Amino acid sequence: MNDNPNIDKNKQYVWGNPELSIFWKIYREKMAFGKVKPGVKDALSKLMNENFEVDLLLARPLEKYVSLKRRLVEYFELNGIKYNYMNLGFHSKKEFLEEHKYDILIDNDMRYVKEAGEVGVIPILFGRDANYKGYQTDNWDEIPLLVSEIIDAKKRWYFEIQKGKFYFMNLEKYTFRHESIFYLIKLFYYIAAVKAKN
């Protein structure tokens, strides 16, 4: 963009400026492929080795990202990142999560974290937000432990309901564990959703 005569290096641009539209059109796909966060490769491999299904979800419109799927596959292969399936171009993450019966969503966008919770999917915020009381982390190394804890808690909760031992305390414990172990799963700009195979 430095070579573009329409760009003023001293001006601060905001969304809606025509110059940003030019920038976004040129660099949209290039910006989606940055350095993989530390621990991602090992965390996803560990989850898959523990029989979890790890899917990548991306609701971006495919017509705006011409070669997105091919480039994503190449990007993940190049970085040794394993996953089960990649879902692209759907209209609503919330509806997709509910329809496909996911257990956990890892996302860095609070809007999707809240929507996941609304449809019974346990959200993990990748990042830190002092106002959010759910699971959250900015460390991929903690993800496999967190996912296992969530799934184990869910199994215990179902077991107690089946035995007629439903207590609101268990639901509270399951939903709002102490903040020091709130973790989250999110891969760069892409969302990893984890489905328990059993």
N, C-alpha and C. Protein backbone atom coordinates (compact mmCIF):
# COMPACT_ATOMS: atom_id res chain seq x y z
N MET A 1 0.82 -1.19 0.00
CA MET A 1 0.00 0.00 0.00
C MET A 1 0.87 1.26 0.00
N ASN A 2 2.14 1.11 0.36
CA ASN A 2 3.03 2.28 0.38
C ASN A 2 3.17 2.89 -1.00
N ASP A 3 3.03 2.07 -2.04
CA ASP A 3 3.17 2.55 -3.41
C ASP A 3 1.89 3.18 -3.94
N ASN A 4 0.81 3.07 -3.22
CA ASN A 4 -0.47 3.60 -3.68
C ASN A 4 -0.53 5.10 -3.43
N PRO A 5 -0.68 5.90 -4.49
CA PRO A 5 -0.69 7.36 -4.33
C PRO A 5 -1.92 7.88 -3.57
N ASN A 6 -2.96 7.05 -3.45
CA ASN A 6 -4.18 7.47 -2.75
C ASN A 6 -4.08 7.31 -1.23
N ILE A 7 -3.01 6.71 -0.75
CA ILE A 7 -2.86 6.45 0.68
C ILE A 7 -1.95 7.50 1.32
N ASP A 8 -2.47 8.16 2.33
CA ASP A 8 -1.70 9.15 3.09
C ASP A 8 -1.15 8.46 4.34
N LYS A 9 0.16 8.30 4.43
CA LYS A 9 0.79 7.59 5.55
C LYS A 9 0.54 8.28 6.89
N ASN A 10 0.22 9.54 6.87
CA ASN A 10 0.02 10.30 8.11
C ASN A 10 -1.44 10.35 8.56
N LYS A 11 -2.34 9.82 7.75
CA LYS A 11 -3.76 9.86 8.07
C LYS A 11 -4.16 8.59 8.82
N GLN A 12 -5.03 8.74 9.81
CA GLN A 12 -5.58 7.58 10.50
C GLN A 12 -6.89 7.22 9.81
N TYR A 13 -6.97 6.00 9.29
CA TYR A 13 -8.15 5.55 8.56
C TYR A 13 -9.09 4.78 9.48
N VAL A 14 -10.38 4.89 9.22
CA VAL A 14 -11.39 4.15 9.99
C VAL A 14 -12.27 3.38 9.01
N TRP A 15 -12.98 2.34 9.54
CA TRP A 15 -13.86 1.56 8.67
C TRP A 15 -14.85 2.49 7.99
N GLY A 16 -15.03 2.27 6.73
CA GLY A 16 -15.91 3.12 5.93
C GLY A 16 -15.14 4.01 4.97
N ASN A 17 -13.85 4.27 5.28
CA ASN A 17 -13.02 5.03 4.35
C ASN A 17 -12.82 4.22 3.08
N PRO A 18 -12.94 4.84 1.91
CA PRO A 18 -12.75 4.11 0.65
C PRO A 18 -11.36 3.47 0.55
N GLU A 19 -10.37 4.12 1.16
CA GLU A 19 -9.00 3.57 1.11
C GLU A 19 -8.92 2.21 1.81
N LEU A 20 -9.69 2.06 2.88
CA LEU A 20 -9.68 0.77 3.59
C LEU A 20 -10.33 -0.32 2.75
N SER A 21 -11.31 0.05 1.96
CA SER A 21 -11.93 -0.93 1.06
C SER A 21 -10.91 -1.45 0.06
N ILE A 22 -10.08 -0.55 -0.45
CA ILE A 22 -9.01 -0.96 -1.38
C ILE A 22 -8.03 -1.89 -0.68
N PHE A 23 -7.61 -1.48 0.51
CA PHE A 23 -6.67 -2.29 1.28
C PHE A 23 -7.25 -3.68 1.55
N TRP A 24 -8.51 -3.72 2.00
CA TRP A 24 -9.13 -4.99 2.36
C TRP A 24 -9.27 -5.91 1.16
N LYS A 25 -9.58 -5.34 0.01
CA LYS A 25 -9.72 -6.15 -1.20
C LYS A 25 -8.39 -6.79 -1.58
N ILE A 26 -7.30 -6.04 -1.44
CA ILE A 26 -5.98 -6.54 -1.82
C ILE A 26 -5.43 -7.52 -0.79
N TYR A 27 -5.62 -7.23 0.49
CA TYR A 27 -4.93 -8.00 1.54
C TYR A 27 -5.82 -8.93 2.35
N ARG A 28 -7.09 -9.05 1.99
CA ARG A 28 -8.04 -9.87 2.76
C ARG A 28 -7.51 -11.27 3.03
N GLU A 29 -7.13 -11.98 1.98
CA GLU A 29 -6.67 -13.36 2.16
C GLU A 29 -5.27 -13.43 2.74
N LYS A 30 -4.41 -12.49 2.38
CA LYS A 30 -3.04 -12.52 2.89
C LYS A 30 -3.02 -12.37 4.41
N MET A 31 -3.92 -11.56 4.95
CA MET A 31 -3.94 -11.32 6.39
C MET A 31 -4.47 -12.51 7.18
N ALA A 32 -5.18 -13.40 6.51
CA ALA A 32 -5.76 -14.55 7.21
C ALA A 32 -4.73 -15.62 7.53
N PHE A 33 -3.54 -15.53 6.96
CA PHE A 33 -2.54 -16.58 7.14
C PHE A 33 -1.30 -16.03 7.82
N GLY A 34 -1.36 -15.96 9.12
CA GLY A 34 -0.22 -15.48 9.90
C GLY A 34 0.49 -16.65 10.56
N LYS A 35 1.32 -16.31 11.51
CA LYS A 35 2.05 -17.33 12.25
C LYS A 35 1.09 -18.06 13.19
N VAL A 36 1.22 -19.37 13.24
CA VAL A 36 0.37 -20.19 14.11
C VAL A 36 0.76 -19.94 15.56
N LYS A 37 -0.24 -19.82 16.41
CA LYS A 37 0.03 -19.57 17.83
C LYS A 37 0.77 -20.75 18.46
N PRO A 38 1.66 -20.46 19.42
CA PRO A 38 2.40 -21.54 20.09
C PRO A 38 1.45 -22.53 20.76
N GLY A 39 1.74 -23.81 20.60
CA GLY A 39 0.97 -24.86 21.27
C GLY A 39 -0.21 -25.39 20.49
N VAL A 40 -0.61 -24.74 19.38
CA VAL A 40 -1.78 -25.17 18.62
C VAL A 40 -1.60 -26.59 18.09
N LYS A 41 -0.49 -26.82 17.43
CA LYS A 41 -0.24 -28.12 16.80
C LYS A 41 -0.34 -29.26 17.83
N ASP A 42 0.36 -29.11 18.94
CA ASP A 42 0.36 -30.15 19.97
C ASP A 42 -1.01 -30.31 20.62
N ALA A 43 -1.70 -29.20 20.86
CA ALA A 43 -3.01 -29.25 21.52
C ALA A 43 -4.03 -30.00 20.66
N LEU A 44 -4.10 -29.66 19.38
CA LEU A 44 -5.07 -30.32 18.51
C LEU A 44 -4.71 -31.79 18.30
N SER A 45 -3.42 -32.08 18.16
CA SER A 45 -2.99 -33.48 18.01
C SER A 45 -3.38 -34.29 19.25
N LYS A 46 -3.18 -33.72 20.42
CA LYS A 46 -3.52 -34.42 21.66
C LYS A 46 -5.02 -34.68 21.74
N LEU A 47 -5.83 -33.69 21.39
CA LEU A 47 -7.28 -33.88 21.41
C LEU A 47 -7.70 -35.00 20.47
N MET A 48 -7.13 -35.00 19.27
CA MET A 48 -7.49 -36.04 18.31
C MET A 48 -7.02 -37.42 18.79
N ASN A 49 -5.85 -37.48 19.41
CA ASN A 49 -5.35 -38.75 19.95
C ASN A 49 -6.22 -39.25 21.10
N GLU A 50 -6.91 -38.34 21.77
CA GLU A 50 -7.81 -38.71 22.86
C GLU A 50 -9.23 -38.96 22.36
N ASN A 51 -9.38 -39.11 21.05
CA ASN A 51 -10.64 -39.47 20.42
C ASN A 51 -11.67 -38.35 20.38
N PHE A 52 -11.22 -37.09 20.41
CA PHE A 52 -12.12 -35.97 20.19
C PHE A 52 -12.13 -35.64 18.70
N GLU A 53 -13.27 -35.16 18.23
CA GLU A 53 -13.37 -34.71 16.85
C GLU A 53 -13.15 -33.20 16.84
N VAL A 54 -12.15 -32.76 16.10
CA VAL A 54 -11.82 -31.33 16.03
C VAL A 54 -12.15 -30.82 14.63
N ASP A 55 -13.14 -29.95 14.55
CA ASP A 55 -13.55 -29.36 13.28
C ASP A 55 -13.21 -27.87 13.30
N LEU A 56 -12.88 -27.35 12.14
CA LEU A 56 -12.62 -25.92 12.00
C LEU A 56 -13.84 -25.29 11.36
N LEU A 57 -14.34 -24.23 11.95
CA LEU A 57 -15.54 -23.55 11.46
C LEU A 57 -15.19 -22.14 11.03
N LEU A 58 -15.65 -21.77 9.85
CA LEU A 58 -15.39 -20.43 9.34
C LEU A 58 -16.62 -19.96 8.58
N ALA A 59 -17.28 -18.95 9.10
CA ALA A 59 -18.53 -18.49 8.50
C ALA A 59 -18.33 -17.40 7.46
N ARG A 60 -17.10 -17.12 7.09
CA ARG A 60 -16.87 -16.06 6.10
C ARG A 60 -17.47 -16.46 4.75
N PRO A 61 -18.04 -15.51 4.02
CA PRO A 61 -18.64 -15.83 2.72
C PRO A 61 -17.57 -16.25 1.71
N LEU A 62 -17.75 -17.41 1.12
CA LEU A 62 -16.75 -17.95 0.21
C LEU A 62 -16.53 -17.10 -1.03
N GLU A 63 -17.57 -16.37 -1.46
CA GLU A 63 -17.40 -15.54 -2.67
C GLU A 63 -16.41 -14.41 -2.44
N LYS A 64 -16.17 -14.03 -1.19
CA LYS A 64 -15.20 -12.97 -0.90
C LYS A 64 -13.81 -13.52 -0.67
N TYR A 65 -13.71 -14.81 -0.52
CA TYR A 65 -12.43 -15.47 -0.28
C TYR A 65 -12.27 -16.56 -1.33
N VAL A 66 -11.89 -16.16 -2.51
CA VAL A 66 -11.92 -17.00 -3.70
C VAL A 66 -11.29 -18.37 -3.49
N SER A 67 -10.09 -18.40 -2.98
CA SER A 67 -9.38 -19.68 -2.87
C SER A 67 -9.20 -20.10 -1.42
N LEU A 68 -10.14 -19.70 -0.58
CA LEU A 68 -9.95 -19.87 0.86
C LEU A 68 -9.76 -21.32 1.30
N LYS A 69 -10.64 -22.21 0.89
CA LYS A 69 -10.54 -23.59 1.38
C LYS A 69 -9.22 -24.23 0.97
N ARG A 70 -8.85 -24.08 -0.28
CA ARG A 70 -7.59 -24.66 -0.75
C ARG A 70 -6.41 -24.09 0.03
N ARG A 71 -6.41 -22.78 0.23
CA ARG A 71 -5.30 -22.14 0.94
C ARG A 71 -5.27 -22.54 2.42
N LEU A 72 -6.45 -22.69 3.02
CA LEU A 72 -6.49 -23.13 4.42
C LEU A 72 -5.93 -24.54 4.57
N VAL A 73 -6.34 -25.43 3.68
CA VAL A 73 -5.84 -26.81 3.73
C VAL A 73 -4.32 -26.80 3.61
N GLU A 74 -3.80 -26.04 2.65
CA GLU A 74 -2.34 -25.95 2.47
C GLU A 74 -1.67 -25.35 3.71
N TYR A 75 -2.27 -24.32 4.27
CA TYR A 75 -1.72 -23.64 5.44
C TYR A 75 -1.63 -24.59 6.63
N PHE A 76 -2.71 -25.33 6.89
CA PHE A 76 -2.71 -26.26 8.02
C PHE A 76 -1.75 -27.42 7.78
N GLU A 77 -1.69 -27.92 6.56
CA GLU A 77 -0.74 -29.00 6.25
C GLU A 77 0.69 -28.52 6.43
N LEU A 78 1.00 -27.34 5.92
CA LEU A 78 2.34 -26.77 6.03
C LEU A 78 2.77 -26.61 7.49
N ASN A 79 1.81 -26.29 8.35
CA ASN A 79 2.11 -26.08 9.77
C ASN A 79 1.87 -27.33 10.62
N GLY A 80 1.54 -28.45 9.98
CA GLY A 80 1.36 -29.71 10.70
C GLY A 80 0.17 -29.72 11.65
N ILE A 81 -0.86 -28.97 11.32
CA ILE A 81 -2.04 -28.88 12.18
C ILE A 81 -3.08 -29.89 11.73
N LYS A 82 -3.48 -30.76 12.65
CA LYS A 82 -4.45 -31.82 12.34
C LYS A 82 -5.84 -31.41 12.78
N TYR A 83 -6.83 -31.84 12.01
CA TYR A 83 -8.23 -31.60 12.33
C TYR A 83 -9.03 -32.66 11.58
N ASN A 84 -10.31 -32.81 11.93
CA ASN A 84 -11.14 -33.79 11.25
C ASN A 84 -11.81 -33.23 10.00
N TYR A 85 -12.42 -32.06 10.14
CA TYR A 85 -13.17 -31.52 9.01
C TYR A 85 -13.16 -30.00 9.08
N MET A 86 -13.25 -29.38 7.91
CA MET A 86 -13.31 -27.93 7.82
C MET A 86 -14.67 -27.55 7.24
N ASN A 87 -15.41 -26.72 7.95
CA ASN A 87 -16.73 -26.26 7.52
C ASN A 87 -16.64 -24.78 7.18
N LEU A 88 -16.96 -24.43 5.94
CA LEU A 88 -16.82 -23.05 5.48
C LEU A 88 -18.12 -22.52 4.89
N GLY A 89 -18.30 -21.22 4.98
CA GLY A 89 -19.32 -20.53 4.22
C GLY A 89 -20.75 -20.67 4.69
N PHE A 90 -21.00 -21.15 5.90
CA PHE A 90 -22.37 -21.26 6.38
C PHE A 90 -22.85 -19.90 6.86
N HIS A 91 -24.15 -19.75 7.00
CA HIS A 91 -24.74 -18.44 7.31
C HIS A 91 -24.61 -18.05 8.78
N SER A 92 -24.86 -18.99 9.69
CA SER A 92 -24.89 -18.67 11.11
C SER A 92 -24.14 -19.72 11.92
N LYS A 93 -23.13 -19.28 12.67
CA LYS A 93 -22.40 -20.22 13.53
C LYS A 93 -23.32 -20.83 14.57
N LYS A 94 -24.18 -20.00 15.12
CA LYS A 94 -25.10 -20.46 16.17
C LYS A 94 -25.96 -21.61 15.65
N GLU A 95 -26.57 -21.43 14.49
CA GLU A 95 -27.42 -22.47 13.91
C GLU A 95 -26.59 -23.70 13.54
N PHE A 96 -25.40 -23.48 13.01
CA PHE A 96 -24.53 -24.59 12.62
C PHE A 96 -24.15 -25.43 13.83
N LEU A 97 -23.76 -24.78 14.92
CA LEU A 97 -23.38 -25.49 16.14
C LEU A 97 -24.54 -26.30 16.69
N GLU A 98 -25.72 -25.70 16.68
CA GLU A 98 -26.90 -26.39 17.20
C GLU A 98 -27.29 -27.57 16.31
N GLU A 99 -27.31 -27.34 15.01
CA GLU A 99 -27.71 -28.39 14.06
C GLU A 99 -26.77 -29.59 14.11
N HIS A 100 -25.47 -29.34 14.25
CA HIS A 100 -24.48 -30.42 14.23
C HIS A 100 -24.12 -30.93 15.62
N LYS A 101 -24.80 -30.42 16.63
CA LYS A 101 -24.68 -30.93 18.00
C LYS A 101 -23.24 -30.92 18.54
N TYR A 102 -22.60 -29.79 18.41
CA TYR A 102 -21.26 -29.64 18.97
C TYR A 102 -21.35 -29.50 20.49
N ASP A 103 -20.29 -29.90 21.17
CA ASP A 103 -20.22 -29.78 22.62
C ASP A 103 -19.48 -28.52 23.06
N ILE A 104 -18.43 -28.16 22.34
CA ILE A 104 -17.57 -27.06 22.75
C ILE A 104 -17.23 -26.19 21.55
N LEU A 105 -17.24 -24.88 21.76
CA LEU A 105 -16.78 -23.93 20.74
C LEU A 105 -15.65 -23.11 21.34
N ILE A 106 -14.56 -22.98 20.61
CA ILE A 106 -13.47 -22.12 21.02
C ILE A 106 -13.43 -20.96 20.04
N ASP A 107 -13.57 -19.75 20.55
CA ASP A 107 -13.64 -18.59 19.65
C ASP A 107 -13.09 -17.37 20.36
N ASN A 108 -12.57 -16.43 19.57
CA ASN A 108 -12.06 -15.19 20.16
C ASN A 108 -13.06 -14.05 20.07
N ASP A 109 -14.23 -14.30 19.53
CA ASP A 109 -15.25 -13.27 19.36
C ASP A 109 -16.37 -13.50 20.39
N MET A 110 -16.55 -12.54 21.27
CA MET A 110 -17.53 -12.68 22.35
C MET A 110 -18.94 -12.90 21.83
N ARG A 111 -19.26 -12.36 20.67
CA ARG A 111 -20.59 -12.56 20.10
C ARG A 111 -20.86 -14.04 19.88
N TYR A 112 -19.88 -14.76 19.31
CA TYR A 112 -20.07 -16.18 19.03
C TYR A 112 -19.99 -17.01 20.31
N VAL A 113 -19.20 -16.56 21.27
CA VAL A 113 -19.13 -17.23 22.57
C VAL A 113 -20.51 -17.20 23.22
N LYS A 114 -21.16 -16.04 23.22
CA LYS A 114 -22.49 -15.91 23.82
C LYS A 114 -23.53 -16.72 23.05
N GLU A 115 -23.47 -16.67 21.71
CA GLU A 115 -24.43 -17.42 20.90
C GLU A 115 -24.30 -18.92 21.14
N ALA A 116 -23.08 -19.41 21.28
CA ALA A 116 -22.86 -20.83 21.53
C ALA A 116 -23.53 -21.24 22.84
N GLY A 117 -23.35 -20.44 23.87
CA GLY A 117 -23.98 -20.74 25.16
C GLY A 117 -25.50 -20.78 25.07
N GLU A 118 -26.07 -19.96 24.19
CA GLU A 118 -27.53 -19.91 24.03
C GLU A 118 -28.10 -21.20 23.46
N VAL A 119 -27.29 -21.97 22.74
CA VAL A 119 -27.78 -23.21 22.13
C VAL A 119 -27.20 -24.45 22.82
N GLY A 120 -26.70 -24.27 24.04
CA GLY A 120 -26.23 -25.40 24.82
C GLY A 120 -24.82 -25.88 24.51
N VAL A 121 -24.08 -25.12 23.72
CA VAL A 121 -22.69 -25.45 23.42
C VAL A 121 -21.83 -24.72 24.45
N ILE A 122 -20.89 -25.42 25.04
CA ILE A 122 -20.04 -24.78 26.05
C ILE A 122 -18.97 -23.96 25.33
N PRO A 123 -18.99 -22.64 25.53
CA PRO A 123 -18.02 -21.80 24.84
C PRO A 123 -16.75 -21.59 25.66
N ILE A 124 -15.65 -21.49 24.95
CA ILE A 124 -14.37 -21.13 25.56
C ILE A 124 -13.88 -19.89 24.81
N LEU A 125 -13.67 -18.84 25.54
CA LEU A 125 -13.18 -17.60 24.95
C LEU A 125 -11.67 -17.67 24.83
N PHE A 126 -11.15 -17.51 23.61
CA PHE A 126 -9.70 -17.45 23.44
C PHE A 126 -9.30 -16.00 23.57
N GLY A 127 -8.75 -15.68 24.70
CA GLY A 127 -8.40 -14.31 25.04
C GLY A 127 -8.80 -14.10 26.49
N ARG A 128 -8.70 -12.89 26.93
CA ARG A 128 -9.05 -12.59 28.32
C ARG A 128 -10.06 -11.46 28.35
N ASP A 129 -11.10 -11.62 29.15
CA ASP A 129 -12.10 -10.59 29.34
C ASP A 129 -12.55 -10.66 30.80
N ALA A 130 -12.21 -9.63 31.57
CA ALA A 130 -12.52 -9.62 33.00
C ALA A 130 -14.02 -9.69 33.27
N ASN A 131 -14.83 -9.26 32.31
CA ASN A 131 -16.28 -9.27 32.50
C ASN A 131 -16.92 -10.60 32.13
N TYR A 132 -16.16 -11.50 31.54
CA TYR A 132 -16.70 -12.80 31.13
C TYR A 132 -16.41 -13.83 32.21
N LYS A 133 -17.44 -14.53 32.66
CA LYS A 133 -17.30 -15.48 33.77
C LYS A 133 -17.17 -16.93 33.32
N GLY A 134 -17.09 -17.16 32.03
CA GLY A 134 -16.97 -18.53 31.53
C GLY A 134 -15.53 -18.94 31.33
N TYR A 135 -15.35 -20.06 30.66
CA TYR A 135 -14.01 -20.57 30.37
C TYR A 135 -13.28 -19.61 29.43
N GLN A 136 -12.02 -19.34 29.74
CA GLN A 136 -11.22 -18.49 28.87
C GLN A 136 -9.75 -18.74 29.10
N THR A 137 -8.96 -18.58 28.04
CA THR A 137 -7.51 -18.72 28.13
C THR A 137 -6.88 -18.06 26.92
N ASP A 138 -5.60 -17.82 27.02
CA ASP A 138 -4.83 -17.34 25.87
C ASP A 138 -3.63 -18.25 25.68
N ASN A 139 -3.74 -19.48 26.19
CA ASN A 139 -2.64 -20.44 26.13
C ASN A 139 -3.12 -21.77 25.57
N TRP A 140 -2.67 -22.11 24.38
CA TRP A 140 -3.08 -23.35 23.74
C TRP A 140 -2.63 -24.59 24.50
N ASP A 141 -1.56 -24.49 25.25
CA ASP A 141 -1.07 -25.65 26.00
C ASP A 141 -2.09 -26.14 27.03
N GLU A 142 -3.00 -25.28 27.45
CA GLU A 142 -3.99 -25.64 28.47
C GLU A 142 -5.27 -26.23 27.89
N ILE A 143 -5.41 -26.19 26.59
CA ILE A 143 -6.66 -26.58 25.95
C ILE A 143 -7.05 -28.05 26.17
N PRO A 144 -6.17 -29.02 25.93
CA PRO A 144 -6.60 -30.42 26.10
C PRO A 144 -7.13 -30.72 27.51
N LEU A 145 -6.50 -30.19 28.53
CA LEU A 145 -6.97 -30.40 29.89
C LEU A 145 -8.35 -29.78 30.09
N LEU A 146 -8.54 -28.58 29.60
CA LEU A 146 -9.82 -27.92 29.74
C LEU A 146 -10.93 -28.69 29.04
N VAL A 147 -10.66 -29.12 27.81
CA VAL A 147 -11.67 -29.87 27.06
C VAL A 147 -12.03 -31.15 27.80
N SER A 148 -11.04 -31.86 28.30
CA SER A 148 -11.31 -33.09 29.05
C SER A 148 -12.14 -32.80 30.30
N GLU A 149 -11.84 -31.72 31.00
CA GLU A 149 -12.61 -31.35 32.19
C GLU A 149 -14.06 -31.04 31.83
N ILE A 150 -14.26 -30.33 30.74
CA ILE A 150 -15.62 -29.98 30.33
C ILE A 150 -16.41 -31.24 29.97
N ILE A 151 -15.81 -32.12 29.19
CA ILE A 151 -16.49 -33.35 28.78
C ILE A 151 -16.76 -34.24 29.99
N ASP A 152 -15.79 -34.37 30.89
CA ASP A 152 -15.99 -35.18 32.10
C ASP A 152 -17.13 -34.61 32.95
N ALA A 153 -17.16 -33.29 33.10
CA ALA A 153 -18.22 -32.65 33.88
C ALA A 153 -19.58 -32.89 33.23
N LYS A 154 -19.61 -32.83 31.91
CA LYS A 154 -20.86 -33.05 31.19
C LYS A 154 -21.34 -34.49 31.39
N LYS A 155 -20.42 -35.44 31.33
CA LYS A 155 -20.79 -36.84 31.55
C LYS A 155 -21.31 -37.05 32.97
N ARG A 156 -20.64 -36.47 33.97
CA ARG A 156 -21.09 -36.60 35.36
C ARG A 156 -22.48 -35.98 35.53
N TRP A 157 -22.68 -34.85 34.90
CA TRP A 157 -23.97 -34.16 35.00
C TRP A 157 -25.08 -35.02 34.44
N TYR A 158 -24.87 -35.62 33.24
CA TYR A 158 -25.87 -36.50 32.65
C TYR A 158 -26.11 -37.72 33.52
N PHE A 159 -25.05 -38.28 34.07
CA PHE A 159 -25.16 -39.46 34.92
C PHE A 159 -26.00 -39.15 36.15
N GLU A 160 -25.79 -37.99 36.76
CA GLU A 160 -26.55 -37.63 37.95
C GLU A 160 -28.02 -37.40 37.62
N ILE A 161 -28.31 -36.83 36.47
CA ILE A 161 -29.71 -36.65 36.07
C ILE A 161 -30.36 -38.02 35.88
N GLN A 162 -29.65 -38.94 35.22
CA GLN A 162 -30.20 -40.28 34.98
C GLN A 162 -30.48 -41.00 36.30
N LYS A 163 -29.69 -40.75 37.31
CA LYS A 163 -29.88 -41.40 38.61
C LYS A 163 -30.82 -40.58 39.50
N GLY A 164 -31.37 -39.51 38.98
CA GLY A 164 -32.29 -38.69 39.74
C GLY A 164 -31.62 -37.79 40.75
N LYS A 165 -30.33 -37.52 40.56
CA LYS A 165 -29.58 -36.68 41.50
C LYS A 165 -29.21 -35.36 40.84
N PHE A 166 -30.17 -34.64 40.39
CA PHE A 166 -29.86 -33.37 39.76
C PHE A 166 -29.81 -32.27 40.82
N TYR A 167 -28.68 -31.61 40.92
CA TYR A 167 -28.51 -30.52 41.87
C TYR A 167 -28.10 -29.27 41.10
N PHE A 168 -28.68 -28.14 41.44
CA PHE A 168 -28.28 -26.90 40.78
C PHE A 168 -26.81 -26.59 41.02
N MET A 169 -26.27 -27.01 42.16
CA MET A 169 -24.85 -26.78 42.44
C MET A 169 -23.97 -27.42 41.38
N ASN A 170 -24.33 -28.62 40.94
CA ASN A 170 -23.53 -29.31 39.93
C ASN A 170 -23.54 -28.53 38.62
N LEU A 171 -24.68 -28.00 38.27
CA LEU A 171 -24.77 -27.22 37.04
C LEU A 171 -23.92 -25.96 37.17
N GLU A 172 -23.97 -25.33 38.34
CA GLU A 172 -23.19 -24.13 38.57
C GLU A 172 -21.69 -24.43 38.50
N LYS A 173 -21.29 -25.50 39.15
CA LYS A 173 -19.88 -25.89 39.16
C LYS A 173 -19.41 -26.18 37.73
N TYR A 174 -20.28 -26.87 37.01
CA TYR A 174 -19.96 -27.26 35.64
C TYR A 174 -19.82 -26.04 34.75
N THR A 175 -20.64 -25.03 34.96
CA THR A 175 -20.63 -23.87 34.08
C THR A 175 -19.60 -22.82 34.48
N PHE A 176 -19.40 -22.62 35.76
CA PHE A 176 -18.55 -21.52 36.20
C PHE A 176 -17.41 -21.99 37.11
N ARG A 177 -16.54 -22.82 36.64
CA ARG A 177 -15.42 -23.28 37.45
C ARG A 177 -14.52 -22.10 37.81
N HIS A 178 -13.65 -22.28 38.79
CA HIS A 178 -12.81 -21.16 39.22
C HIS A 178 -11.98 -20.62 38.06
N GLU A 179 -11.87 -19.30 38.02
CA GLU A 179 -11.33 -18.61 36.87
C GLU A 179 -9.90 -18.98 36.53
N SER A 180 -9.13 -19.47 37.49
CA SER A 180 -7.73 -19.78 37.20
C SER A 180 -7.59 -20.92 36.21
N ILE A 181 -8.65 -21.73 36.02
CA ILE A 181 -8.53 -22.81 35.04
C ILE A 181 -9.51 -22.64 33.88
N PHE A 182 -9.96 -21.43 33.63
CA PHE A 182 -10.77 -21.19 32.44
C PHE A 182 -9.85 -21.17 31.24
N TYR A 183 -10.14 -22.00 30.28
CA TYR A 183 -9.29 -22.09 29.10
C TYR A 183 -10.13 -21.89 27.84
N LEU A 184 -9.45 -21.89 26.72
CA LEU A 184 -10.19 -21.70 25.50
C LEU A 184 -9.46 -22.22 24.28
N ILE A 185 -10.20 -22.54 23.24
CA ILE A 185 -9.61 -23.07 22.03
C ILE A 185 -9.97 -22.16 20.86
N LYS A 186 -8.98 -21.68 20.19
CA LYS A 186 -9.22 -20.88 18.98
C LYS A 186 -7.95 -20.89 18.18
N LEU A 187 -8.06 -21.08 16.91
CA LEU A 187 -6.89 -21.15 16.05
C LEU A 187 -6.85 -19.93 15.16
N PHE A 188 -5.92 -19.05 15.42
CA PHE A 188 -5.70 -17.85 14.64
C PHE A 188 -7.03 -17.15 14.43
N TYR A 189 -7.51 -16.96 13.20
CA TYR A 189 -8.82 -16.37 12.99
C TYR A 189 -9.90 -17.43 12.85
N TYR A 190 -9.51 -18.68 12.91
CA TYR A 190 -10.43 -19.76 12.64
C TYR A 190 -10.95 -20.36 13.92
N ILE A 191 -12.10 -20.92 13.88
CA ILE A 191 -12.73 -21.46 15.06
C ILE A 191 -12.59 -22.97 15.04
N ALA A 192 -12.11 -23.51 16.14
CA ALA A 192 -12.04 -24.95 16.27
C ALA A 192 -13.21 -25.36 17.14
N ALA A 193 -14.02 -26.27 16.68
CA ALA A 193 -15.12 -26.78 17.50
C ALA A 193 -14.80 -28.22 17.80
N VAL A 194 -15.05 -28.63 19.00
CA VAL A 194 -14.70 -29.98 19.42
C VAL A 194 -15.98 -30.75 19.69
N LYS A 195 -16.09 -31.92 19.06
CA LYS A 195 -17.22 -32.79 19.28
C LYS A 195 -16.71 -34.05 19.95
N ALA A 196 -17.34 -34.46 21.03
CA ALA A 196 -16.96 -35.72 21.66
C ALA A 196 -17.49 -36.84 20.77
N LYS A 197 -16.67 -37.83 20.49
CA LYS A 197 -17.10 -38.91 19.61
C LYS A 197 -18.05 -39.87 20.30
N ASN A 198 -18.04 -39.89 21.62
CA ASN A 198 -18.93 -40.82 22.34
C ASN A 198 -19.97 -40.06 23.11
